[in-house]
Structure formats: structure tokens, C-alpha cells
Amino acid sequence: MESKIFAVIGASKGIGLALTKKLAEKNFRVFATYSKTAPGFNHPNVIWKQHDVLSGNPLELPDSLNGLAYCPGNISLKPFNRFSSEDFHSDYQLQVIGAIESIQAALPALKKCEQSSIVLFSTVAVQQGLPFHSLVSASKGAIEGLTKALAAEFAPKIRVNAIAPSLTNTPLAENLLNTDAKREANAARHPLKRFGEPSDISNMAKFLLADESSWISGQIIHVDGGISSLRV
């Protein structure tokens, strides 16, 4: 039986890279994109392709796809009055329009499979309401709405889900975790007393892409150390 093939957009670091590694190690084929610099990870199951989601250039994908994960993101935290309207436009372009264009490019290939899956990424801040998170919450709130609308529209053939992480130890969060004091404080905020690691999120993404999750669609799944629902 031919191995399944998945596209991971924004796979050069963080959660995207962790997901690419997990899929490849499970003997799935992976079409993985990077924006500027190719990562050092090489595997016979991975095809690397340079693609900048902000370039406006078309995304070239395999003819058939079992799933797509859109991983590019941004974390910019500051008071609302210090963001310009251009900041909101730029963030929306990366996090929402980039996802929309990637899904539109992948749709013909996803439709060729008996069942396929799309995984998007939100943030715990959408439902939690956190200060200084207006930029990311606005974009990721749109992602949550898009997830549910597409899940309804694409059912039953294409499943669509989103993962809403809390703070995760990726290059995007480097400024929030770059001292021992910051790491200890951010770990203590979570009921499970640690911040996330890329493997925590990529494990869920792999599950949502694979057949094991074939009865799950239209869900915003919180992988967040319990912070969105527990008070301890």
C-alpha cells in the first residue's frame, strides 16, 4: 500500500519541524516548506520546498495529499495602543490569508483521497482573554471561525481541526523564555507546572492528520497544560 503524503507549510522550525520529523519517522511522506533557510533535517521521506507564504507566488503541491498542516505564525505582545493598523494587516496576512491560500492550493489534491485532514493552529488566548494579546487573538480568532466553517463545508470527505496551544518552547516564544526567571514564572502559570514543548503540540497534530482521528472534525483542541480550564 502506498505511503500517505502530508504537506507541512512552515516546517523549518518549532512545531512545524517537530511535526515533519514525527510524520517522516512514522514512514509517511512529507512535502515540507521553508521560507528562507532550509533546516538541517534530512530524511528520505521528506521533500523540502522553498515557499514564502507572503510572496504571492503559487504554492506547488503534490497531485494527491492526505493532509495539510499550516504552521507559520507570529507572537507579538504589547499594549493595544502600540499596535498600528498595519501590524494587524500584516499579522492577518501571515496567519489567516496564508492559511486560506494554502488550503485553496491544496484542495484539489486533498479531494483526491477518500478522506483527508487539515490542521490549523490557534492559541489559548482566543478563549482565555489575555492582556497584550490583541494582535494574535484577532488573527487566531479568525482561524477558529475558519476551522468550523470549512469543517462543515468540506464534510464528510475532508476533516478540519485546529489546535490551541498555550506558551510553547519554540523560536517564536524565545523572548518569553530567555531567562530562568521567565521560564520558572511561565511554567508556574500552568496547572501542569510546565510550558509546552514542540512535541506536545506536534503529537496532537500528527494524531489529527492520521486515520486515528477519523471521527473528529470542526474542533478547537486545547493543548495547553490545563491553563484554559483548570484553576489549581
Protein backbone atom coordinates (compact mmCIF):
# COMPACT_ATOMS: atom_id res chain seq x y z
CA MET A 1 0.00 0.00 0.00
CA GLU A 2 1.37 3.41 -0.96
CA SER A 3 2.50 5.58 1.92
CA LYS A 4 0.34 8.58 2.76
CA ILE A 5 1.68 12.02 1.96
CA PHE A 6 1.18 15.16 4.03
CA ALA A 7 2.08 18.80 3.39
CA VAL A 8 3.53 20.81 6.26
CA ILE A 9 3.65 24.51 5.46
CA GLY A 10 6.21 26.35 7.58
CA ALA A 11 8.20 23.27 8.54
CA SER A 12 11.66 24.71 9.11
CA LYS A 13 11.46 25.15 12.89
CA GLY A 14 9.35 24.85 16.01
CA ILE A 15 6.12 22.86 15.81
CA GLY A 16 6.30 22.51 12.01
CA LEU A 17 9.72 20.89 12.15
CA ALA A 18 8.72 18.62 15.05
CA LEU A 19 5.64 17.50 13.09
CA THR A 20 7.67 16.88 9.95
CA LYS A 21 10.08 14.66 11.90
CA LYS A 22 7.26 12.68 13.53
CA LEU A 23 5.47 12.06 10.24
CA ALA A 24 8.68 11.03 8.47
CA GLU A 25 9.66 8.68 11.27
CA LYS A 26 6.22 7.01 11.00
CA ASN A 27 7.06 6.28 7.35
CA PHE A 28 4.69 8.89 5.95
CA ARG A 29 5.91 11.03 3.07
CA VAL A 30 6.12 14.73 3.83
CA PHE A 31 6.12 17.73 1.49
CA ALA A 32 7.65 20.38 3.75
CA THR A 33 8.14 24.08 3.04
CA TYR A 34 10.52 26.64 4.46
CA SER A 35 10.55 30.40 3.95
CA LYS A 36 14.21 31.42 3.83
CA THR A 37 16.67 28.85 5.16
CA ALA A 38 16.38 25.12 4.70
CA PRO A 39 16.64 23.23 8.02
CA GLY A 40 19.38 20.76 8.72
CA PHE A 41 16.93 17.85 8.99
CA ASN A 42 17.17 15.45 6.06
CA HIS A 43 15.15 12.27 5.72
CA PRO A 44 14.35 10.09 2.70
CA ASN A 45 10.62 10.59 3.33
CA VAL A 46 10.83 14.41 3.29
CA ILE A 47 10.78 16.65 0.22
CA TRP A 48 11.82 20.22 1.08
CA LYS A 49 10.49 23.12 -0.98
CA GLN A 50 11.19 26.83 -0.56
CA HIS A 51 7.98 28.84 -0.32
CA ASP A 52 7.28 32.20 1.28
CA VAL A 53 3.56 32.41 2.11
CA LEU A 54 3.75 36.22 1.92
CA SER A 55 5.30 36.29 -1.55
CA GLY A 56 2.10 35.89 -3.53
CA ASN A 57 3.73 33.09 -5.52
CA PRO A 58 1.61 29.98 -6.08
CA LEU A 59 2.19 27.03 -3.76
CA GLU A 60 3.15 23.97 -5.80
CA LEU A 61 1.99 20.75 -4.15
CA PRO A 62 1.85 17.04 -4.98
CA ASP A 63 -1.11 15.85 -7.07
CA SER A 64 -2.60 13.97 -4.13
CA LEU A 65 -2.50 14.79 -0.41
CA ASN A 66 -3.79 13.01 2.67
CA GLY A 67 -3.43 16.08 4.83
CA LEU A 68 -2.19 19.63 5.27
CA ALA A 69 -0.86 21.43 8.34
CA TYR A 70 -0.37 25.20 8.24
CA CYS A 71 2.30 26.15 10.79
CA PRO A 72 3.59 29.70 10.09
CA GLY A 73 2.88 32.05 12.97
CA ASN A 74 3.89 35.10 14.93
CA ILE A 75 3.82 36.20 18.57
CA SER A 76 3.87 39.94 19.19
CA LEU A 77 2.72 41.04 22.63
CA LYS A 78 2.32 44.68 23.61
CA PRO A 79 -0.43 47.13 24.61
CA PHE A 80 -3.20 47.59 22.05
CA ASN A 81 -2.44 51.31 21.56
CA ARG A 82 1.11 50.46 20.49
CA PHE A 83 -0.07 48.36 17.54
CA SER A 84 -0.68 50.11 14.23
CA SER A 85 -3.41 49.10 11.81
CA GLU A 86 -0.60 47.88 9.55
CA ASP A 87 0.52 45.50 12.30
CA PHE A 88 -2.94 43.92 12.25
CA HIS A 89 -2.98 43.73 8.46
CA SER A 90 0.46 42.09 8.35
CA ASP A 91 -0.36 39.57 11.05
CA TYR A 92 -3.67 38.67 9.40
CA GLN A 93 -1.88 38.22 6.09
CA LEU A 94 0.53 35.70 7.60
CA GLN A 95 -1.74 33.80 9.92
CA VAL A 96 -5.08 33.85 8.09
CA ILE A 97 -4.65 34.74 4.40
CA GLY A 98 -1.58 32.49 4.21
CA ALA A 99 -3.65 29.61 5.60
CA ILE A 100 -6.53 30.33 3.23
CA GLU A 101 -4.27 30.46 0.17
CA SER A 102 -2.51 27.24 1.22
CA ILE A 103 -5.82 25.42 1.68
CA GLN A 104 -7.10 26.69 -1.66
CA ALA A 105 -3.93 25.46 -3.36
CA ALA A 106 -4.17 22.07 -1.65
CA LEU A 107 -7.89 21.48 -2.08
CA PRO A 108 -7.76 19.61 -5.43
CA ALA A 109 -5.08 17.26 -4.04
CA LEU A 110 -6.96 16.75 -0.75
CA LYS A 111 -10.16 15.88 -2.62
CA LYS A 112 -8.44 13.03 -4.46
CA CYS A 113 -8.15 10.99 -1.25
CA GLU A 114 -11.02 9.04 0.26
CA GLN A 115 -10.59 11.05 3.44
CA SER A 116 -8.09 13.80 4.20
CA SER A 117 -7.39 16.23 7.01
CA ILE A 118 -6.45 19.87 7.55
CA VAL A 119 -4.82 21.06 10.78
CA LEU A 120 -4.60 24.74 11.68
CA PHE A 121 -3.26 26.49 14.77
CA SER A 122 -4.98 28.89 17.13
CA THR A 123 -3.96 29.99 20.63
CA VAL A 124 -5.33 29.65 24.14
CA ALA A 125 -5.56 33.46 24.19
CA VAL A 126 -8.61 33.47 21.89
CA GLN A 127 -10.89 31.93 24.51
CA GLN A 128 -8.92 32.98 27.59
CA GLY A 129 -8.76 36.73 27.08
CA LEU A 130 -5.21 37.79 27.94
CA PRO A 131 -3.79 41.33 28.11
CA PHE A 132 -1.37 42.42 25.37
CA HIS A 133 -2.63 39.59 23.09
CA SER A 134 -4.94 41.66 20.85
CA LEU A 135 -2.87 41.12 17.69
CA VAL A 136 -2.53 37.34 17.88
CA SER A 137 -6.04 36.88 19.31
CA ALA A 138 -7.61 38.76 16.40
CA SER A 139 -5.88 36.60 13.79
CA LYS A 140 -6.29 33.32 15.61
CA GLY A 141 -9.93 34.09 16.38
CA ALA A 142 -10.40 34.21 12.61
CA ILE A 143 -8.65 30.85 12.32
CA GLU A 144 -11.10 29.29 14.79
CA GLY A 145 -14.06 30.59 12.80
CA LEU A 146 -12.47 29.40 9.55
CA THR A 147 -11.86 25.95 11.04
CA LYS A 148 -15.51 25.40 11.92
CA ALA A 149 -16.86 26.85 8.66
CA LEU A 150 -14.56 24.72 6.49
CA ALA A 151 -15.20 21.60 8.56
CA ALA A 152 -18.91 21.99 7.83
CA GLU A 153 -18.37 22.81 4.16
CA PHE A 154 -15.85 20.05 3.45
CA ALA A 155 -17.59 17.24 5.38
CA PRO A 156 -17.60 14.31 5.09
CA LYS A 157 -14.52 13.98 2.89
CA ILE A 158 -12.08 16.48 4.43
CA ARG A 159 -11.78 16.93 8.19
CA VAL A 160 -10.69 20.32 9.56
CA ASN A 161 -9.49 20.93 13.12
CA ALA A 162 -7.36 23.48 14.97
CA ILE A 163 -5.01 23.18 17.92
CA ALA A 164 -4.96 25.97 20.51
CA PRO A 165 -1.68 25.77 22.45
CA SER A 166 -0.53 27.78 25.40
CA LEU A 167 3.06 29.05 25.60
CA THR A 168 5.35 26.59 23.83
CA ASN A 169 9.13 26.47 23.75
CA THR A 170 9.70 27.40 20.11
CA PRO A 171 11.77 30.13 18.42
CA LEU A 172 8.62 32.30 18.28
CA ALA A 173 8.49 32.32 22.09
CA GLU A 174 12.21 32.89 22.62
CA ASN A 175 11.76 36.33 24.18
CA LEU A 176 9.28 34.93 26.70
CA LEU A 177 11.54 32.09 27.81
CA ASN A 178 15.05 33.52 27.55
CA THR A 179 15.86 33.68 31.28
CA ASP A 180 15.49 31.23 34.15
CA ALA A 181 13.11 33.63 35.89
CA LYS A 182 10.83 33.84 32.85
CA ARG A 183 10.87 30.09 32.38
CA GLU A 184 10.01 29.45 36.02
CA ALA A 185 7.23 32.06 36.05
CA ASN A 186 5.65 30.80 32.85
CA ALA A 187 5.83 27.19 33.98
CA ALA A 188 4.16 28.11 37.29
CA ARG A 189 1.19 29.73 35.48
CA HIS A 190 0.10 26.35 34.13
CA PRO A 191 -1.70 23.75 36.27
CA LEU A 192 0.74 21.10 34.97
CA LYS A 193 3.61 23.37 36.08
CA ARG A 194 5.48 23.50 32.80
CA PHE A 195 5.22 25.28 29.49
CA GLY A 196 4.74 23.34 26.30
CA GLU A 197 7.32 21.70 24.10
CA PRO A 198 7.03 21.30 20.31
CA SER A 199 6.50 17.56 20.78
CA ASP A 200 3.38 18.22 22.89
CA ILE A 201 1.73 20.08 20.02
CA SER A 202 3.12 18.04 17.14
CA ASN A 203 1.86 14.81 18.75
CA MET A 204 -1.67 16.19 18.58
CA ALA A 205 -1.18 17.48 15.03
CA LYS A 206 0.05 14.07 13.89
CA PHE A 207 -2.97 12.43 15.53
CA LEU A 208 -5.39 14.85 13.82
CA LEU A 209 -3.79 14.23 10.43
CA ALA A 210 -3.88 10.44 10.74
CA ASP A 211 -6.72 7.92 10.49
CA GLU A 212 -6.88 7.51 14.27
CA SER A 213 -8.83 10.78 14.41
CA SER A 214 -11.21 9.93 11.57
CA TRP A 215 -14.32 10.85 13.64
CA ILE A 216 -13.04 14.27 14.73
CA SER A 217 -13.77 17.44 12.77
CA GLY A 218 -14.64 21.06 13.46
CA GLN A 219 -12.87 21.02 16.83
CA ILE A 220 -10.61 23.54 18.57
CA ILE A 221 -8.44 21.29 20.70
CA HIS A 222 -6.63 22.87 23.63
CA VAL A 223 -3.14 21.51 24.27
CA ASP A 224 -2.23 23.97 26.97
CA GLY A 225 -1.12 22.39 30.23
CA GLY A 226 -4.64 22.82 31.61
CA ILE A 227 -4.49 26.62 31.71
CA SER A 228 -7.72 27.18 29.76
CA SER A 229 -9.96 25.10 32.02
CA LEU A 230 -8.32 24.44 35.40
CA ARG A 231 -7.76 26.57 38.47
CA VAL A 232 -5.42 24.92 40.95
